[in-house]
Amino acid sequence: YTFPFWVSLFIGLVVGTASLAFMLWLGGAFQESYQNMRYVFSEGFEIGSLKIVPSSLITAILISLVLVIILSRVRHGIEYQWFNKSRLKKGPREVVSMLFWYIGITIVVFIGLSIAGFDISNLTVIAGALSVGIGFGLKNIVSNFVSGIILLFERPVKPGDWVEVGDTIGFIQKIKIRATNIKTFDNSEVLVPN
């Protein structure tokens, strides 16, 4: 297995910079700067009323990455192991898989933010702003999302069905959460909002 060029370049730059800094530190240079950087790394710094602690931030990012990898493995296991042995039809399988992924990612984000030291109670302001945004600008997106869930659960149409939506006539290729892929007779794909 060989790494892509950009990964090898990034690893080389990080290792080279760390080696150079370590050799300078061994020689006694930058002792005071090292102490200051170590203090800032462990205790953090403030920007306005927000306190950022780099060590907590790095820990939160690493834990979030591990949780996302575990979540994707569990989702893959549910899709290809458990669903194959269950009697669920394809539509409900896709809905359960997508809902599991979205709920899991939301939980991972909250865990990462709490580990990083952000006060999650401040997110109520963001949630309020989002609800106003949904009420005004994102109304169509939310209605498409809910319609997609209904289409996937109830299965009034399924992939392979011939449909006519407005001026678009063709076969359904895939039903997603927000839109449906329709392949027309002139071999072009059209995304129709749910």
N, C-alpha and C. Protein backbone atom coordinates (compact mmCIF):
# COMPACT_ATOMS: atom_id res chain seq x y z
N TYR A 1 0.85 -1.19 0.00
CA TYR A 1 0.00 0.00 0.00
C TYR A 1 0.88 1.23 0.00
N THR A 2 0.62 2.17 -0.90
CA THR A 2 1.37 3.42 -0.94
C THR A 2 0.43 4.57 -0.64
N PHE A 3 0.94 5.54 0.12
CA PHE A 3 0.15 6.71 0.43
C PHE A 3 0.07 7.61 -0.79
N PRO A 4 -1.02 8.36 -0.94
CA PRO A 4 -1.07 9.38 -1.99
C PRO A 4 0.02 10.43 -1.74
N PHE A 5 0.38 11.15 -2.80
CA PHE A 5 1.48 12.11 -2.72
C PHE A 5 1.24 13.16 -1.65
N TRP A 6 0.02 13.71 -1.58
CA TRP A 6 -0.25 14.80 -0.63
C TRP A 6 -0.17 14.31 0.80
N VAL A 7 -0.54 13.04 1.06
CA VAL A 7 -0.43 12.50 2.42
C VAL A 7 1.05 12.34 2.79
N SER A 8 1.84 11.81 1.86
CA SER A 8 3.28 11.66 2.11
C SER A 8 3.95 13.02 2.33
N LEU A 9 3.56 14.01 1.54
CA LEU A 9 4.12 15.35 1.69
C LEU A 9 3.76 15.94 3.05
N PHE A 10 2.50 15.80 3.46
CA PHE A 10 2.05 16.32 4.75
C PHE A 10 2.79 15.63 5.90
N ILE A 11 2.91 14.32 5.84
CA ILE A 11 3.61 13.59 6.90
C ILE A 11 5.08 14.01 6.95
N GLY A 12 5.70 14.17 5.78
CA GLY A 12 7.10 14.59 5.74
C GLY A 12 7.29 15.98 6.34
N LEU A 13 6.39 16.92 6.01
CA LEU A 13 6.50 18.27 6.56
C LEU A 13 6.30 18.28 8.08
N VAL A 14 5.32 17.52 8.56
CA VAL A 14 5.06 17.48 10.00
C VAL A 14 6.25 16.87 10.74
N VAL A 15 6.74 15.74 10.24
CA VAL A 15 7.86 15.08 10.90
C VAL A 15 9.12 15.95 10.84
N GLY A 16 9.37 16.57 9.69
CA GLY A 16 10.54 17.44 9.57
C GLY A 16 10.48 18.64 10.50
N THR A 17 9.32 19.30 10.56
CA THR A 17 9.17 20.45 11.45
C THR A 17 9.30 20.05 12.91
N ALA A 18 8.68 18.92 13.27
CA ALA A 18 8.76 18.45 14.66
C ALA A 18 10.20 18.07 15.02
N SER A 19 10.91 17.44 14.09
CA SER A 19 12.31 17.07 14.36
C SER A 19 13.18 18.31 14.54
N LEU A 20 13.01 19.29 13.67
CA LEU A 20 13.79 20.53 13.78
C LEU A 20 13.50 21.25 15.09
N ALA A 21 12.22 21.33 15.46
CA ALA A 21 11.86 21.99 16.71
C ALA A 21 12.43 21.23 17.91
N PHE A 22 12.41 19.89 17.85
CA PHE A 22 12.94 19.09 18.95
C PHE A 22 14.45 19.27 19.09
N MET A 23 15.17 19.32 17.95
CA MET A 23 16.62 19.51 18.02
C MET A 23 16.97 20.90 18.57
N LEU A 24 16.20 21.92 18.16
CA LEU A 24 16.43 23.25 18.72
C LEU A 24 16.13 23.29 20.22
N TRP A 25 15.09 22.57 20.64
CA TRP A 25 14.75 22.53 22.06
C TRP A 25 15.84 21.81 22.85
N LEU A 26 16.40 20.74 22.27
CA LEU A 26 17.49 20.03 22.95
C LEU A 26 18.72 20.91 23.09
N GLY A 27 18.95 21.78 22.12
CA GLY A 27 20.10 22.68 22.18
C GLY A 27 19.89 23.85 23.12
N GLY A 28 18.71 24.00 23.72
CA GLY A 28 18.46 25.06 24.68
C GLY A 28 17.82 26.29 24.08
N ALA A 29 17.63 26.31 22.77
CA ALA A 29 17.00 27.48 22.15
C ALA A 29 15.50 27.44 22.37
N PHE A 30 14.93 28.59 22.40
CA PHE A 30 13.47 28.74 22.50
C PHE A 30 12.88 28.13 23.78
N GLN A 31 13.65 28.10 24.86
CA GLN A 31 13.16 27.51 26.11
C GLN A 31 11.94 28.28 26.64
N GLU A 32 12.05 29.60 26.63
CA GLU A 32 10.94 30.41 27.13
C GLU A 32 9.73 30.32 26.20
N SER A 33 9.99 30.32 24.89
CA SER A 33 8.89 30.18 23.93
C SER A 33 8.20 28.84 24.08
N TYR A 34 9.01 27.80 24.33
CA TYR A 34 8.44 26.46 24.53
C TYR A 34 7.53 26.44 25.74
N GLN A 35 7.98 27.06 26.84
CA GLN A 35 7.16 27.09 28.05
C GLN A 35 5.86 27.85 27.81
N ASN A 36 5.94 28.97 27.08
CA ASN A 36 4.74 29.74 26.76
C ASN A 36 3.77 28.95 25.88
N MET A 37 4.32 28.27 24.88
CA MET A 37 3.48 27.48 23.99
C MET A 37 2.84 26.32 24.74
N ARG A 38 3.59 25.71 25.63
CA ARG A 38 3.05 24.60 26.42
C ARG A 38 1.92 25.10 27.33
N TYR A 39 2.08 26.26 27.90
CA TYR A 39 1.06 26.83 28.77
C TYR A 39 -0.21 27.13 27.96
N VAL A 40 -0.04 27.75 26.79
CA VAL A 40 -1.19 28.08 25.95
C VAL A 40 -1.87 26.81 25.47
N PHE A 41 -1.09 25.77 25.14
CA PHE A 41 -1.65 24.52 24.66
C PHE A 41 -2.49 23.83 25.72
N SER A 42 -2.03 23.87 26.98
CA SER A 42 -2.75 23.16 28.04
C SER A 42 -3.82 24.02 28.71
N GLU A 43 -3.58 25.35 28.83
CA GLU A 43 -4.54 26.21 29.53
C GLU A 43 -5.46 26.97 28.59
N GLY A 44 -5.05 27.17 27.35
CA GLY A 44 -5.90 27.82 26.38
C GLY A 44 -5.74 29.34 26.34
N PHE A 45 -6.55 29.96 25.51
CA PHE A 45 -6.55 31.41 25.37
C PHE A 45 -7.98 31.86 25.13
N GLU A 46 -8.22 33.13 25.31
CA GLU A 46 -9.57 33.66 25.19
C GLU A 46 -9.70 34.58 23.99
N ILE A 47 -10.81 34.43 23.30
CA ILE A 47 -11.18 35.34 22.22
C ILE A 47 -12.55 35.88 22.60
N GLY A 48 -12.59 37.09 23.11
CA GLY A 48 -13.83 37.65 23.61
C GLY A 48 -14.25 36.89 24.86
N SER A 49 -15.46 36.35 24.84
CA SER A 49 -15.93 35.56 25.98
C SER A 49 -15.71 34.07 25.77
N LEU A 50 -15.15 33.69 24.61
CA LEU A 50 -14.93 32.28 24.29
C LEU A 50 -13.52 31.87 24.67
N LYS A 51 -13.40 30.79 25.46
CA LYS A 51 -12.09 30.27 25.83
C LYS A 51 -11.81 29.03 25.00
N ILE A 52 -10.69 29.05 24.29
CA ILE A 52 -10.30 27.93 23.43
C ILE A 52 -9.08 27.26 24.04
N VAL A 53 -9.20 25.95 24.30
CA VAL A 53 -8.10 25.16 24.84
C VAL A 53 -7.67 24.18 23.74
N PRO A 54 -6.49 24.40 23.11
CA PRO A 54 -6.08 23.55 22.00
C PRO A 54 -6.00 22.06 22.34
N SER A 55 -5.55 21.72 23.56
CA SER A 55 -5.46 20.30 23.90
C SER A 55 -6.84 19.66 23.93
N SER A 56 -7.83 20.36 24.48
CA SER A 56 -9.21 19.83 24.50
C SER A 56 -9.78 19.76 23.10
N LEU A 57 -9.44 20.74 22.26
CA LEU A 57 -9.94 20.77 20.89
C LEU A 57 -9.39 19.58 20.09
N ILE A 58 -8.09 19.30 20.23
CA ILE A 58 -7.49 18.17 19.53
C ILE A 58 -8.07 16.86 20.03
N THR A 59 -8.26 16.75 21.35
CA THR A 59 -8.86 15.54 21.92
C THR A 59 -10.27 15.35 21.39
N ALA A 60 -11.05 16.44 21.31
CA ALA A 60 -12.42 16.34 20.81
C ALA A 60 -12.45 15.91 19.35
N ILE A 61 -11.53 16.44 18.53
CA ILE A 61 -11.48 16.06 17.12
C ILE A 61 -11.12 14.59 16.96
N LEU A 62 -10.12 14.13 17.71
CA LEU A 62 -9.72 12.72 17.62
C LEU A 62 -10.84 11.79 18.07
N ILE A 63 -11.49 12.10 19.20
CA ILE A 63 -12.58 11.26 19.69
C ILE A 63 -13.75 11.28 18.71
N SER A 64 -14.04 12.44 18.12
CA SER A 64 -15.13 12.51 17.13
C SER A 64 -14.81 11.67 15.90
N LEU A 65 -13.56 11.72 15.43
CA LEU A 65 -13.18 10.90 14.28
C LEU A 65 -13.33 9.41 14.58
N VAL A 66 -12.89 8.99 15.78
CA VAL A 66 -13.02 7.58 16.17
C VAL A 66 -14.49 7.19 16.24
N LEU A 67 -15.33 8.07 16.81
CA LEU A 67 -16.76 7.76 16.92
C LEU A 67 -17.43 7.70 15.54
N VAL A 68 -17.02 8.57 14.61
CA VAL A 68 -17.59 8.52 13.26
C VAL A 68 -17.18 7.23 12.55
N ILE A 69 -15.93 6.79 12.73
CA ILE A 69 -15.49 5.53 12.14
C ILE A 69 -16.29 4.37 12.71
N ILE A 70 -16.47 4.35 14.05
CA ILE A 70 -17.25 3.29 14.69
C ILE A 70 -18.70 3.33 14.19
N LEU A 71 -19.26 4.55 14.08
CA LEU A 71 -20.63 4.70 13.60
C LEU A 71 -20.79 4.18 12.18
N SER A 72 -19.83 4.48 11.31
CA SER A 72 -19.92 4.00 9.93
C SER A 72 -19.78 2.48 9.86
N ARG A 73 -18.94 1.90 10.73
CA ARG A 73 -18.82 0.43 10.77
C ARG A 73 -20.12 -0.21 11.24
N VAL A 74 -20.73 0.39 12.28
CA VAL A 74 -22.00 -0.14 12.79
C VAL A 74 -23.09 -0.02 11.72
N ARG A 75 -23.13 1.12 11.03
CA ARG A 75 -24.12 1.30 9.96
C ARG A 75 -23.90 0.27 8.85
N HIS A 76 -22.66 0.05 8.49
CA HIS A 76 -22.35 -0.95 7.46
C HIS A 76 -22.78 -2.33 7.92
N GLY A 77 -22.53 -2.65 9.20
CA GLY A 77 -22.95 -3.95 9.74
C GLY A 77 -24.46 -4.09 9.75
N ILE A 78 -25.15 -3.00 10.09
CA ILE A 78 -26.62 -3.06 10.10
C ILE A 78 -27.15 -3.27 8.68
N GLU A 79 -26.57 -2.54 7.70
CA GLU A 79 -27.06 -2.64 6.33
C GLU A 79 -26.79 -4.01 5.70
N TYR A 80 -25.59 -4.56 5.92
CA TYR A 80 -25.21 -5.76 5.18
C TYR A 80 -25.26 -7.04 6.00
N GLN A 81 -25.41 -6.96 7.30
CA GLN A 81 -25.51 -8.16 8.12
C GLN A 81 -26.93 -8.35 8.65
N TRP A 82 -27.39 -7.36 9.43
CA TRP A 82 -28.66 -7.50 10.11
C TRP A 82 -29.83 -7.40 9.14
N PHE A 83 -29.78 -6.44 8.19
CA PHE A 83 -30.88 -6.27 7.25
C PHE A 83 -31.04 -7.47 6.33
N ASN A 84 -29.94 -8.13 5.98
CA ASN A 84 -30.04 -9.29 5.10
C ASN A 84 -30.77 -10.44 5.78
N LYS A 85 -30.73 -10.50 7.11
CA LYS A 85 -31.42 -11.56 7.84
C LYS A 85 -32.82 -11.15 8.27
N SER A 86 -33.16 -9.86 8.13
CA SER A 86 -34.48 -9.40 8.56
C SER A 86 -35.45 -9.46 7.38
N ARG A 87 -36.73 -9.26 7.70
CA ARG A 87 -37.76 -9.31 6.66
C ARG A 87 -38.18 -7.93 6.19
N LEU A 88 -37.43 -6.92 6.58
CA LEU A 88 -37.75 -5.55 6.16
C LEU A 88 -37.57 -5.40 4.66
N LYS A 89 -38.44 -4.60 4.05
CA LYS A 89 -38.29 -4.31 2.62
C LYS A 89 -37.21 -3.26 2.43
N LYS A 90 -36.86 -3.02 1.17
CA LYS A 90 -35.73 -2.14 0.88
C LYS A 90 -35.96 -0.71 1.33
N GLY A 91 -37.17 -0.18 1.16
CA GLY A 91 -37.47 1.21 1.54
C GLY A 91 -37.27 1.47 3.02
N PRO A 92 -37.94 0.70 3.90
CA PRO A 92 -37.72 0.91 5.33
C PRO A 92 -36.27 0.68 5.75
N ARG A 93 -35.58 -0.23 5.08
CA ARG A 93 -34.14 -0.43 5.39
C ARG A 93 -33.36 0.85 5.18
N GLU A 94 -33.58 1.49 4.02
CA GLU A 94 -32.86 2.73 3.71
C GLU A 94 -33.20 3.84 4.69
N VAL A 95 -34.48 3.92 5.08
CA VAL A 95 -34.91 4.97 6.02
C VAL A 95 -34.26 4.74 7.38
N VAL A 96 -34.29 3.50 7.87
CA VAL A 96 -33.69 3.19 9.17
C VAL A 96 -32.20 3.48 9.14
N SER A 97 -31.53 3.10 8.05
CA SER A 97 -30.10 3.34 7.93
C SER A 97 -29.77 4.83 7.93
N MET A 98 -30.55 5.62 7.16
CA MET A 98 -30.29 7.07 7.09
C MET A 98 -30.59 7.75 8.42
N LEU A 99 -31.71 7.38 9.06
CA LEU A 99 -32.05 7.98 10.35
C LEU A 99 -31.00 7.62 11.40
N PHE A 100 -30.52 6.37 11.39
CA PHE A 100 -29.46 5.96 12.31
C PHE A 100 -28.21 6.81 12.09
N TRP A 101 -27.85 7.05 10.82
CA TRP A 101 -26.66 7.84 10.51
C TRP A 101 -26.82 9.29 10.97
N TYR A 102 -27.96 9.92 10.65
CA TYR A 102 -28.16 11.32 11.03
C TYR A 102 -28.20 11.51 12.55
N ILE A 103 -28.92 10.62 13.24
CA ILE A 103 -28.99 10.72 14.70
C ILE A 103 -27.62 10.47 15.32
N GLY A 104 -26.89 9.48 14.79
CA GLY A 104 -25.54 9.20 15.30
C GLY A 104 -24.59 10.36 15.10
N ILE A 105 -24.62 10.98 13.91
CA ILE A 105 -23.74 12.12 13.64
C ILE A 105 -24.09 13.29 14.55
N THR A 106 -25.38 13.50 14.81
CA THR A 106 -25.79 14.58 15.72
C THR A 106 -25.25 14.34 17.13
N ILE A 107 -25.34 13.10 17.60
CA ILE A 107 -24.81 12.76 18.93
C ILE A 107 -23.30 12.94 18.98
N VAL A 108 -22.60 12.53 17.91
CA VAL A 108 -21.14 12.68 17.86
C VAL A 108 -20.75 14.16 17.89
N VAL A 109 -21.50 15.01 17.19
CA VAL A 109 -21.21 16.45 17.20
C VAL A 109 -21.38 17.02 18.60
N PHE A 110 -22.46 16.62 19.28
CA PHE A 110 -22.67 17.12 20.65
C PHE A 110 -21.58 16.63 21.59
N ILE A 111 -21.17 15.37 21.44
CA ILE A 111 -20.09 14.84 22.29
C ILE A 111 -18.80 15.60 22.03
N GLY A 112 -18.48 15.83 20.74
CA GLY A 112 -17.26 16.56 20.40
C GLY A 112 -17.27 17.98 20.95
N LEU A 113 -18.41 18.67 20.84
CA LEU A 113 -18.49 20.03 21.36
C LEU A 113 -18.35 20.07 22.87
N SER A 114 -18.95 19.10 23.57
CA SER A 114 -18.84 19.11 25.04
C SER A 114 -17.42 18.78 25.48
N ILE A 115 -16.72 17.87 24.77
CA ILE A 115 -15.33 17.56 25.12
C ILE A 115 -14.44 18.77 24.84
N ALA A 116 -14.73 19.50 23.76
CA ALA A 116 -13.92 20.68 23.41
C ALA A 116 -14.12 21.82 24.39
N GLY A 117 -15.15 21.74 25.24
CA GLY A 117 -15.36 22.75 26.25
C GLY A 117 -16.39 23.80 25.90
N PHE A 118 -17.13 23.59 24.81
CA PHE A 118 -18.17 24.53 24.44
C PHE A 118 -19.41 24.27 25.28
N ASP A 119 -20.06 25.33 25.70
CA ASP A 119 -21.28 25.20 26.49
C ASP A 119 -22.44 24.90 25.55
N ILE A 120 -22.98 23.69 25.67
CA ILE A 120 -24.02 23.25 24.74
C ILE A 120 -25.31 24.02 24.96
N SER A 121 -25.48 24.60 26.15
CA SER A 121 -26.71 25.39 26.38
C SER A 121 -26.75 26.63 25.48
N ASN A 122 -25.57 27.06 24.99
CA ASN A 122 -25.56 28.20 24.06
C ASN A 122 -26.13 27.83 22.69
N LEU A 123 -26.23 26.53 22.43
CA LEU A 123 -26.76 26.10 21.14
C LEU A 123 -28.26 26.35 21.02
N THR A 124 -28.92 26.66 22.15
CA THR A 124 -30.35 26.95 22.07
C THR A 124 -30.61 28.21 21.25
N VAL A 125 -29.68 29.15 21.31
CA VAL A 125 -29.81 30.36 20.49
C VAL A 125 -29.70 30.00 19.01
N ILE A 126 -28.73 29.12 18.70
CA ILE A 126 -28.56 28.69 17.30
C ILE A 126 -29.78 27.91 16.85
N ALA A 127 -30.32 27.04 17.73
CA ALA A 127 -31.51 26.27 17.38
C ALA A 127 -32.71 27.19 17.14
N GLY A 128 -32.81 28.25 17.94
CA GLY A 128 -33.89 29.22 17.72
C GLY A 128 -33.75 29.92 16.38
N ALA A 129 -32.51 30.31 16.05
CA ALA A 129 -32.28 30.96 14.75
C ALA A 129 -32.56 30.00 13.61
N LEU A 130 -32.18 28.72 13.79
CA LEU A 130 -32.45 27.73 12.75
C LEU A 130 -33.94 27.51 12.56
N SER A 131 -34.70 27.51 13.67
CA SER A 131 -36.14 27.30 13.53
C SER A 131 -36.78 28.46 12.78
N VAL A 132 -36.29 29.68 13.01
CA VAL A 132 -36.79 30.83 12.25
C VAL A 132 -36.40 30.67 10.78
N GLY A 133 -35.16 30.23 10.54
CA GLY A 133 -34.71 30.01 9.16
C GLY A 133 -35.52 28.94 8.46
N ILE A 134 -35.83 27.86 9.21
CA ILE A 134 -36.66 26.81 8.63
C ILE A 134 -38.04 27.34 8.31
N GLY A 135 -38.56 28.18 9.22
CA GLY A 135 -39.89 28.74 9.00
C GLY A 135 -39.96 29.60 7.76
N PHE A 136 -38.89 30.31 7.45
CA PHE A 136 -38.92 31.22 6.30
C PHE A 136 -38.25 30.63 5.06
N GLY A 137 -36.93 30.40 5.16
CA GLY A 137 -36.18 30.07 3.95
C GLY A 137 -36.04 28.59 3.65
N LEU A 138 -36.03 27.75 4.69
CA LEU A 138 -35.76 26.34 4.47
C LEU A 138 -37.03 25.50 4.44
N LYS A 139 -38.18 26.14 4.27
CA LYS A 139 -39.45 25.43 4.30
C LYS A 139 -39.50 24.35 3.22
N ASN A 140 -39.04 24.66 2.01
CA ASN A 140 -39.07 23.68 0.91
C ASN A 140 -38.14 22.51 1.18
N ILE A 141 -36.95 22.80 1.74
CA ILE A 141 -36.00 21.73 2.02
C ILE A 141 -36.57 20.78 3.06
N VAL A 142 -37.19 21.33 4.12
CA VAL A 142 -37.76 20.48 5.16
C VAL A 142 -38.93 19.68 4.61
N SER A 143 -39.76 20.31 3.77
CA SER A 143 -40.90 19.57 3.21
C SER A 143 -40.40 18.46 2.27
N ASN A 144 -39.33 18.72 1.51
CA ASN A 144 -38.74 17.67 0.66
C ASN A 144 -38.19 16.53 1.50
N PHE A 145 -37.56 16.87 2.62
CA PHE A 145 -36.98 15.87 3.53
C PHE A 145 -38.08 14.97 4.09
N VAL A 146 -39.16 15.59 4.61
CA VAL A 146 -40.27 14.81 5.17
C VAL A 146 -40.95 13.99 4.09
N SER A 147 -41.13 14.57 2.91
CA SER A 147 -41.74 13.83 1.80
C SER A 147 -40.88 12.64 1.39
N GLY A 148 -39.55 12.81 1.42
CA GLY A 148 -38.66 11.71 1.10
C GLY A 148 -38.78 10.57 2.09
N ILE A 149 -38.90 10.90 3.37
CA ILE A 149 -39.08 9.85 4.39
C ILE A 149 -40.40 9.13 4.16
N ILE A 150 -41.47 9.88 3.84
CA ILE A 150 -42.76 9.25 3.57
C ILE A 150 -42.68 8.35 2.34
N LEU A 151 -42.01 8.83 1.27
CA LEU A 151 -41.87 8.01 0.07
C LEU A 151 -41.10 6.73 0.35
N LEU A 152 -40.04 6.82 1.18
CA LEU A 152 -39.24 5.64 1.46
C LEU A 152 -39.98 4.67 2.37
N PHE A 153 -40.80 5.18 3.29
CA PHE A 153 -41.54 4.28 4.19
C PHE A 153 -42.74 3.64 3.49
N GLU A 154 -43.58 4.47 2.86
CA GLU A 154 -44.82 3.95 2.31
C GLU A 154 -44.64 3.26 0.96
N ARG A 155 -43.61 3.63 0.23
CA ARG A 155 -43.28 3.03 -1.07
C ARG A 155 -44.43 3.08 -2.08
N PRO A 156 -45.05 4.27 -2.30
CA PRO A 156 -46.05 4.34 -3.35
C PRO A 156 -45.41 4.17 -4.73
N VAL A 157 -44.16 4.59 -4.85
CA VAL A 157 -43.37 4.35 -6.05
C VAL A 157 -42.03 3.78 -5.61
N LYS A 158 -41.41 3.03 -6.48
CA LYS A 158 -40.12 2.42 -6.15
C LYS A 158 -39.20 2.48 -7.37
N PRO A 159 -37.89 2.26 -7.20
CA PRO A 159 -36.99 2.28 -8.35
C PRO A 159 -37.44 1.29 -9.42
N GLY A 160 -37.43 1.77 -10.68
CA GLY A 160 -37.87 0.95 -11.80
C GLY A 160 -39.26 1.31 -12.28
N ASP A 161 -40.03 2.05 -11.48
CA ASP A 161 -41.37 2.46 -11.90
C ASP A 161 -41.31 3.56 -12.96
N TRP A 162 -42.27 3.51 -13.86
CA TRP A 162 -42.39 4.54 -14.90
C TRP A 162 -43.27 5.64 -14.34
N VAL A 163 -42.79 6.91 -14.36
CA VAL A 163 -43.54 8.02 -13.78
C VAL A 163 -43.57 9.20 -14.74
N GLU A 164 -44.55 10.05 -14.51
CA GLU A 164 -44.65 11.31 -15.24
C GLU A 164 -44.85 12.40 -14.21
N VAL A 165 -43.86 13.31 -14.10
CA VAL A 165 -43.91 14.41 -13.14
C VAL A 165 -43.79 15.70 -13.94
N GLY A 166 -44.92 16.40 -14.10
CA GLY A 166 -44.91 17.62 -14.91
C GLY A 166 -44.56 17.26 -16.35
N ASP A 167 -43.49 17.86 -16.86
CA ASP A 167 -43.03 17.58 -18.22
C ASP A 167 -42.02 16.44 -18.27
N THR A 168 -41.63 15.92 -17.10
CA THR A 168 -40.61 14.88 -17.04
C THR A 168 -41.26 13.50 -17.05
N ILE A 169 -40.83 12.66 -18.00
CA ILE A 169 -41.33 11.29 -18.10
C ILE A 169 -40.13 10.36 -18.11
N GLY A 170 -40.16 9.33 -17.29
CA GLY A 170 -39.05 8.39 -17.27
C GLY A 170 -39.20 7.35 -16.18
N PHE A 171 -38.09 6.66 -15.91
CA PHE A 171 -38.07 5.61 -14.90
C PHE A 171 -37.33 6.10 -13.65
N ILE A 172 -37.85 5.73 -12.49
CA ILE A 172 -37.20 6.10 -11.24
C ILE A 172 -35.94 5.26 -11.07
N GLN A 173 -34.81 5.94 -10.84
CA GLN A 173 -33.57 5.22 -10.58
C GLN A 173 -33.32 5.06 -9.10
N LYS A 174 -33.45 6.17 -8.34
CA LYS A 174 -33.18 6.11 -6.91
C LYS A 174 -34.02 7.16 -6.20
N ILE A 175 -34.58 6.76 -5.05
CA ILE A 175 -35.31 7.69 -4.20
C ILE A 175 -34.42 8.05 -3.03
N LYS A 176 -34.07 9.33 -2.94
CA LYS A 176 -33.24 9.80 -1.84
C LYS A 176 -34.12 10.57 -0.86
N ILE A 177 -33.49 11.06 0.21
CA ILE A 177 -34.26 11.77 1.23
C ILE A 177 -34.87 13.06 0.68
N ARG A 178 -34.12 13.83 -0.11
CA ARG A 178 -34.62 15.13 -0.56
C ARG A 178 -35.10 15.14 -2.00
N ALA A 179 -34.64 14.22 -2.83
CA ALA A 179 -35.00 14.26 -4.24
C ALA A 179 -35.02 12.84 -4.81
N THR A 180 -35.65 12.71 -5.97
CA THR A 180 -35.74 11.42 -6.64
C THR A 180 -35.05 11.53 -8.00
N ASN A 181 -34.19 10.55 -8.32
CA ASN A 181 -33.51 10.51 -9.62
C ASN A 181 -34.43 9.83 -10.63
N ILE A 182 -34.71 10.52 -11.72
CA ILE A 182 -35.53 9.95 -12.80
C ILE A 182 -34.70 9.94 -14.07
N LYS A 183 -34.62 8.77 -14.72
CA LYS A 183 -33.90 8.66 -15.99
C LYS A 183 -34.91 8.76 -17.11
N THR A 184 -34.75 9.78 -17.94
CA THR A 184 -35.71 10.02 -19.02
C THR A 184 -35.37 9.15 -20.22
N PHE A 185 -36.25 9.20 -21.22
CA PHE A 185 -36.06 8.34 -22.39
C PHE A 185 -34.93 8.79 -23.30
N ASP A 186 -34.48 10.04 -23.15
CA ASP A 186 -33.33 10.49 -23.93
C ASP A 186 -32.03 10.27 -23.16
N ASN A 187 -32.07 9.38 -22.15
CA ASN A 187 -30.90 8.94 -21.39
C ASN A 187 -30.29 10.04 -20.52
N SER A 188 -31.08 10.99 -20.07
CA SER A 188 -30.58 12.00 -19.15
C SER A 188 -31.23 11.79 -17.78
N GLU A 189 -30.51 12.21 -16.73
CA GLU A 189 -31.03 12.06 -15.39
C GLU A 189 -31.58 13.39 -14.89
N VAL A 190 -32.74 13.34 -14.25
CA VAL A 190 -33.39 14.53 -13.73
C VAL A 190 -33.62 14.33 -12.24
N LEU A 191 -33.24 15.33 -11.45
CA LEU A 191 -33.52 15.30 -10.01
C LEU A 191 -34.83 16.03 -9.77
N VAL A 192 -35.81 15.31 -9.24
CA VAL A 192 -37.11 15.90 -8.95
C VAL A 192 -37.25 15.99 -7.44
N PRO A 193 -37.45 17.20 -6.88
CA PRO A 193 -37.64 17.31 -5.43
C PRO A 193 -38.85 16.50 -4.97
N ASN A 194 -38.70 15.87 -3.81
CA ASN A 194 -39.78 15.02 -3.31
C ASN A 194 -41.01 15.84 -2.94
